[in-house]
Amino acid sequence: MFIDMPPGTGDVPLTVFQSIAVDGIIVVTSPQELVSMIVSKAVKMAEMMDIPIIGLVENMSYFECPDCGKEHKIFGESHIDEIADEHNLKVLAKLPIDEDFSGLR
């Protein structure tokens, strides 16, 4: 079962971690610096509660120009590798902004 939770360390993640047997979590982030701080807090909370972290996924990591193929970092430089290194986690994916999925087309 997958449970999509709001970011951070609020009541929802805490209640889920305390109420449901969790085999592991995948932490999804985006490149913004503020989000990286929130993700680091969530990772620390999971570690404190002995919740296994499967890895990290960065959404909206970049936009690939359909004309030239160049990657543009619309939301700034990624911090996912730093978070992964700090907590000894795997980066599972860096997902681009995709017009087909975003409804921009």
N, C-alpha and C. Protein backbone atom coordinates (compact mmCIF):
# COMPACT_ATOMS: atom_id res chain seq x y z
N MET A 1 0.85 -1.17 0.00
CA MET A 1 0.00 0.00 0.00
C MET A 1 0.90 1.23 0.00
N PHE A 2 0.49 2.23 -0.76
CA PHE A 2 1.20 3.51 -0.78
C PHE A 2 0.36 4.55 -0.05
N ILE A 3 1.00 5.37 0.74
CA ILE A 3 0.33 6.47 1.43
C ILE A 3 1.08 7.74 1.06
N ASP A 4 0.37 8.65 0.41
CA ASP A 4 0.95 9.93 0.01
C ASP A 4 0.69 10.91 1.14
N MET A 5 1.76 11.37 1.77
CA MET A 5 1.61 12.26 2.93
C MET A 5 2.12 13.66 2.60
N PRO A 6 1.61 14.65 3.32
CA PRO A 6 2.15 16.00 3.14
C PRO A 6 3.60 16.04 3.61
N PRO A 7 4.35 16.99 3.11
CA PRO A 7 5.76 17.08 3.50
C PRO A 7 5.92 17.49 4.96
N GLY A 8 7.06 17.14 5.48
CA GLY A 8 7.40 17.64 6.80
C GLY A 8 7.24 16.63 7.90
N THR A 9 7.14 17.15 9.11
CA THR A 9 7.14 16.32 10.32
C THR A 9 5.90 16.57 11.16
N GLY A 10 4.81 16.91 10.52
CA GLY A 10 3.60 17.26 11.26
C GLY A 10 2.83 16.05 11.78
N ASP A 11 1.57 16.28 12.12
CA ASP A 11 0.72 15.26 12.73
C ASP A 11 0.48 14.07 11.80
N VAL A 12 0.33 14.30 10.51
CA VAL A 12 -0.01 13.20 9.59
C VAL A 12 1.12 12.16 9.53
N PRO A 13 2.36 12.56 9.20
CA PRO A 13 3.41 11.54 9.18
C PRO A 13 3.61 10.86 10.55
N LEU A 14 3.54 11.63 11.60
CA LEU A 14 3.72 11.08 12.95
C LEU A 14 2.64 10.03 13.25
N THR A 15 1.38 10.34 12.93
CA THR A 15 0.28 9.41 13.16
C THR A 15 0.44 8.15 12.31
N VAL A 16 0.81 8.31 11.06
CA VAL A 16 1.00 7.16 10.18
C VAL A 16 2.12 6.28 10.72
N PHE A 17 3.25 6.87 11.07
CA PHE A 17 4.38 6.10 11.56
C PHE A 17 4.04 5.35 12.85
N GLN A 18 3.18 5.95 13.69
CA GLN A 18 2.82 5.32 14.95
C GLN A 18 1.68 4.32 14.82
N SER A 19 0.86 4.43 13.77
CA SER A 19 -0.36 3.64 13.68
C SER A 19 -0.30 2.48 12.69
N ILE A 20 0.57 2.55 11.73
CA ILE A 20 0.62 1.55 10.66
C ILE A 20 2.01 0.94 10.61
N ALA A 21 2.05 -0.36 10.40
CA ALA A 21 3.35 -1.03 10.23
C ALA A 21 3.92 -0.61 8.87
N VAL A 22 4.96 0.17 8.89
CA VAL A 22 5.55 0.72 7.67
C VAL A 22 6.82 -0.06 7.35
N ASP A 23 6.85 -0.66 6.15
CA ASP A 23 8.05 -1.41 5.72
C ASP A 23 9.16 -0.48 5.26
N GLY A 24 8.78 0.70 4.78
CA GLY A 24 9.77 1.66 4.31
C GLY A 24 9.08 2.84 3.66
N ILE A 25 9.84 3.92 3.52
CA ILE A 25 9.29 5.11 2.88
C ILE A 25 10.23 5.56 1.76
N ILE A 26 9.62 6.21 0.79
CA ILE A 26 10.36 6.91 -0.25
C ILE A 26 10.06 8.38 -0.05
N VAL A 27 11.10 9.16 0.12
CA VAL A 27 10.94 10.59 0.36
C VAL A 27 11.04 11.30 -0.98
N VAL A 28 9.99 12.06 -1.31
CA VAL A 28 9.95 12.80 -2.57
C VAL A 28 10.19 14.27 -2.26
N THR A 29 11.07 14.87 -3.02
CA THR A 29 11.44 16.26 -2.80
C THR A 29 11.43 17.01 -4.12
N SER A 30 11.78 18.27 -4.06
CA SER A 30 11.98 19.10 -5.26
C SER A 30 13.21 19.96 -4.99
N PRO A 31 13.74 20.62 -6.02
CA PRO A 31 15.05 21.29 -5.88
C PRO A 31 15.09 22.54 -4.99
N GLN A 32 13.97 23.12 -4.64
CA GLN A 32 14.01 24.36 -3.87
C GLN A 32 14.74 24.17 -2.55
N GLU A 33 15.50 25.17 -2.15
CA GLU A 33 16.31 25.08 -0.94
C GLU A 33 15.44 24.88 0.31
N LEU A 34 14.32 25.59 0.40
CA LEU A 34 13.44 25.45 1.56
C LEU A 34 12.92 24.02 1.67
N VAL A 35 12.59 23.42 0.55
CA VAL A 35 12.10 22.04 0.55
C VAL A 35 13.17 21.10 1.07
N SER A 36 14.41 21.36 0.73
CA SER A 36 15.51 20.51 1.21
C SER A 36 15.58 20.51 2.73
N MET A 37 15.33 21.65 3.34
CA MET A 37 15.34 21.74 4.80
C MET A 37 14.21 20.90 5.39
N ILE A 38 13.03 20.97 4.80
CA ILE A 38 11.87 20.20 5.27
C ILE A 38 12.13 18.70 5.11
N VAL A 39 12.72 18.32 3.98
CA VAL A 39 13.02 16.91 3.73
C VAL A 39 14.04 16.39 4.74
N SER A 40 15.05 17.18 5.03
CA SER A 40 16.04 16.76 6.02
C SER A 40 15.39 16.50 7.37
N LYS A 41 14.44 17.34 7.76
CA LYS A 41 13.72 17.14 9.03
C LYS A 41 12.90 15.86 8.98
N ALA A 42 12.23 15.61 7.86
CA ALA A 42 11.40 14.40 7.72
C ALA A 42 12.28 13.14 7.77
N VAL A 43 13.43 13.20 7.14
CA VAL A 43 14.36 12.06 7.16
C VAL A 43 14.83 11.81 8.58
N LYS A 44 15.17 12.87 9.31
CA LYS A 44 15.62 12.71 10.69
C LYS A 44 14.52 12.11 11.57
N MET A 45 13.27 12.53 11.35
CA MET A 45 12.16 11.98 12.11
C MET A 45 12.00 10.49 11.83
N ALA A 46 12.06 10.10 10.57
CA ALA A 46 11.94 8.69 10.19
C ALA A 46 13.07 7.87 10.83
N GLU A 47 14.27 8.43 10.81
CA GLU A 47 15.41 7.74 11.41
C GLU A 47 15.20 7.56 12.92
N MET A 48 14.71 8.59 13.58
CA MET A 48 14.47 8.52 15.03
C MET A 48 13.41 7.49 15.38
N MET A 49 12.45 7.28 14.47
CA MET A 49 11.36 6.34 14.71
C MET A 49 11.66 4.96 14.11
N ASP A 50 12.89 4.76 13.65
CA ASP A 50 13.31 3.48 13.06
C ASP A 50 12.46 3.07 11.86
N ILE A 51 12.07 4.04 11.05
CA ILE A 51 11.33 3.77 9.82
C ILE A 51 12.37 3.67 8.69
N PRO A 52 12.46 2.53 8.01
CA PRO A 52 13.44 2.40 6.94
C PRO A 52 13.14 3.37 5.78
N ILE A 53 14.18 4.01 5.29
CA ILE A 53 14.04 4.92 4.15
C ILE A 53 14.62 4.21 2.93
N ILE A 54 13.76 3.93 1.97
CA ILE A 54 14.17 3.21 0.76
C ILE A 54 15.07 4.09 -0.09
N GLY A 55 14.74 5.38 -0.17
CA GLY A 55 15.56 6.31 -0.93
C GLY A 55 14.84 7.62 -1.17
N LEU A 56 15.49 8.45 -1.97
CA LEU A 56 14.99 9.79 -2.28
C LEU A 56 14.66 9.91 -3.76
N VAL A 57 13.60 10.64 -4.06
CA VAL A 57 13.23 10.96 -5.44
C VAL A 57 13.05 12.46 -5.52
N GLU A 58 13.65 13.06 -6.54
CA GLU A 58 13.48 14.50 -6.74
C GLU A 58 12.56 14.72 -7.92
N ASN A 59 11.44 15.39 -7.66
CA ASN A 59 10.47 15.72 -8.68
C ASN A 59 10.76 17.13 -9.19
N MET A 60 10.44 17.40 -10.43
CA MET A 60 10.66 18.71 -11.07
C MET A 60 12.13 19.12 -11.02
N SER A 61 12.99 18.15 -11.18
CA SER A 61 14.43 18.36 -11.07
C SER A 61 14.96 19.31 -12.14
N TYR A 62 14.41 19.20 -13.33
CA TYR A 62 14.86 20.03 -14.46
C TYR A 62 13.80 19.99 -15.55
N PHE A 63 13.94 20.85 -16.51
CA PHE A 63 13.11 20.85 -17.71
C PHE A 63 14.03 20.66 -18.90
N GLU A 64 13.73 19.69 -19.73
CA GLU A 64 14.54 19.47 -20.93
C GLU A 64 13.87 20.16 -22.11
N CYS A 65 14.60 21.10 -22.73
CA CYS A 65 14.08 21.85 -23.86
C CYS A 65 13.81 20.89 -25.02
N PRO A 66 12.59 20.90 -25.54
CA PRO A 66 12.28 19.98 -26.64
C PRO A 66 12.99 20.35 -27.95
N ASP A 67 13.46 21.60 -28.07
CA ASP A 67 14.12 22.03 -29.29
C ASP A 67 15.61 21.72 -29.31
N CYS A 68 16.28 22.00 -28.20
CA CYS A 68 17.75 21.83 -28.19
C CYS A 68 18.23 20.71 -27.28
N GLY A 69 17.35 20.18 -26.43
CA GLY A 69 17.72 19.10 -25.52
C GLY A 69 18.45 19.55 -24.27
N LYS A 70 18.68 20.85 -24.11
CA LYS A 70 19.40 21.35 -22.94
C LYS A 70 18.51 21.27 -21.70
N GLU A 71 19.13 20.93 -20.57
CA GLU A 71 18.41 20.88 -19.31
C GLU A 71 18.45 22.25 -18.62
N HIS A 72 17.28 22.71 -18.19
CA HIS A 72 17.15 23.97 -17.48
C HIS A 72 16.67 23.68 -16.07
N LYS A 73 17.33 24.24 -15.09
CA LYS A 73 17.00 24.04 -13.67
C LYS A 73 16.06 25.17 -13.24
N ILE A 74 14.81 25.03 -13.55
CA ILE A 74 13.81 26.07 -13.30
C ILE A 74 13.69 26.41 -11.81
N PHE A 75 13.78 25.42 -10.95
CA PHE A 75 13.62 25.64 -9.51
C PHE A 75 14.94 25.72 -8.78
N GLY A 76 16.02 25.92 -9.50
CA GLY A 76 17.33 26.06 -8.88
C GLY A 76 18.09 24.75 -8.85
N GLU A 77 19.28 24.84 -8.31
CA GLU A 77 20.16 23.67 -8.26
C GLU A 77 19.63 22.64 -7.26
N SER A 78 19.85 21.42 -7.57
CA SER A 78 19.41 20.30 -6.75
C SER A 78 20.25 20.21 -5.47
N HIS A 79 19.60 19.79 -4.39
CA HIS A 79 20.29 19.53 -3.12
C HIS A 79 20.13 18.07 -2.70
N ILE A 80 19.55 17.27 -3.57
CA ILE A 80 19.22 15.89 -3.20
C ILE A 80 20.46 15.05 -2.92
N ASP A 81 21.54 15.28 -3.66
CA ASP A 81 22.75 14.50 -3.42
C ASP A 81 23.36 14.81 -2.06
N GLU A 82 23.29 16.07 -1.65
CA GLU A 82 23.80 16.46 -0.33
C GLU A 82 22.99 15.80 0.79
N ILE A 83 21.65 15.79 0.62
CA ILE A 83 20.79 15.15 1.62
C ILE A 83 21.09 13.65 1.68
N ALA A 84 21.21 13.05 0.51
CA ALA A 84 21.50 11.61 0.44
C ALA A 84 22.82 11.28 1.11
N ASP A 85 23.86 12.07 0.83
CA ASP A 85 25.17 11.84 1.44
C ASP A 85 25.12 12.00 2.96
N GLU A 86 24.43 13.06 3.40
CA GLU A 86 24.36 13.36 4.83
C GLU A 86 23.70 12.22 5.62
N HIS A 87 22.71 11.54 4.99
CA HIS A 87 21.94 10.51 5.68
C HIS A 87 22.23 9.10 5.16
N ASN A 88 23.24 8.99 4.31
CA ASN A 88 23.62 7.69 3.74
C ASN A 88 22.44 7.01 3.04
N LEU A 89 21.77 7.77 2.16
CA LEU A 89 20.61 7.28 1.43
C LEU A 89 20.91 7.20 -0.07
N LYS A 90 20.08 6.46 -0.78
CA LYS A 90 20.20 6.36 -2.23
C LYS A 90 19.29 7.40 -2.89
N VAL A 91 19.79 7.99 -3.97
CA VAL A 91 18.95 8.81 -4.84
C VAL A 91 18.36 7.85 -5.86
N LEU A 92 17.06 7.65 -5.82
CA LEU A 92 16.41 6.70 -6.71
C LEU A 92 16.13 7.29 -8.08
N ALA A 93 15.82 8.60 -8.14
CA ALA A 93 15.51 9.22 -9.42
C ALA A 93 15.52 10.74 -9.29
N LYS A 94 15.83 11.38 -10.39
CA LYS A 94 15.67 12.83 -10.54
C LYS A 94 14.74 13.00 -11.75
N LEU A 95 13.48 13.30 -11.46
CA LEU A 95 12.46 13.34 -12.51
C LEU A 95 12.35 14.74 -13.10
N PRO A 96 12.29 14.82 -14.43
CA PRO A 96 12.15 16.13 -15.08
C PRO A 96 10.71 16.62 -15.04
N ILE A 97 10.54 17.88 -15.29
CA ILE A 97 9.21 18.43 -15.56
C ILE A 97 8.85 17.93 -16.94
N ASP A 98 7.71 17.29 -17.08
CA ASP A 98 7.32 16.69 -18.35
C ASP A 98 5.97 17.28 -18.76
N GLU A 99 5.94 17.94 -19.89
CA GLU A 99 4.71 18.58 -20.36
C GLU A 99 3.56 17.58 -20.50
N ASP A 100 3.88 16.35 -20.88
CA ASP A 100 2.83 15.35 -21.06
C ASP A 100 2.12 15.03 -19.75
N PHE A 101 2.84 15.08 -18.63
CA PHE A 101 2.24 14.76 -17.33
C PHE A 101 1.70 16.00 -16.62
N SER A 102 2.18 17.17 -16.97
CA SER A 102 1.82 18.38 -16.24
C SER A 102 0.56 19.06 -16.76
N GLY A 103 0.09 18.64 -17.92
CA GLY A 103 -1.07 19.28 -18.51
C GLY A 103 -0.73 20.58 -19.22
N LEU A 104 0.56 20.83 -19.47
CA LEU A 104 0.97 22.06 -20.14
C LEU A 104 0.72 22.01 -21.65
N ARG A 105 0.53 20.84 -22.17
CA ARG A 105 0.26 20.73 -23.62
C ARG A 105 -1.20 20.72 -23.88
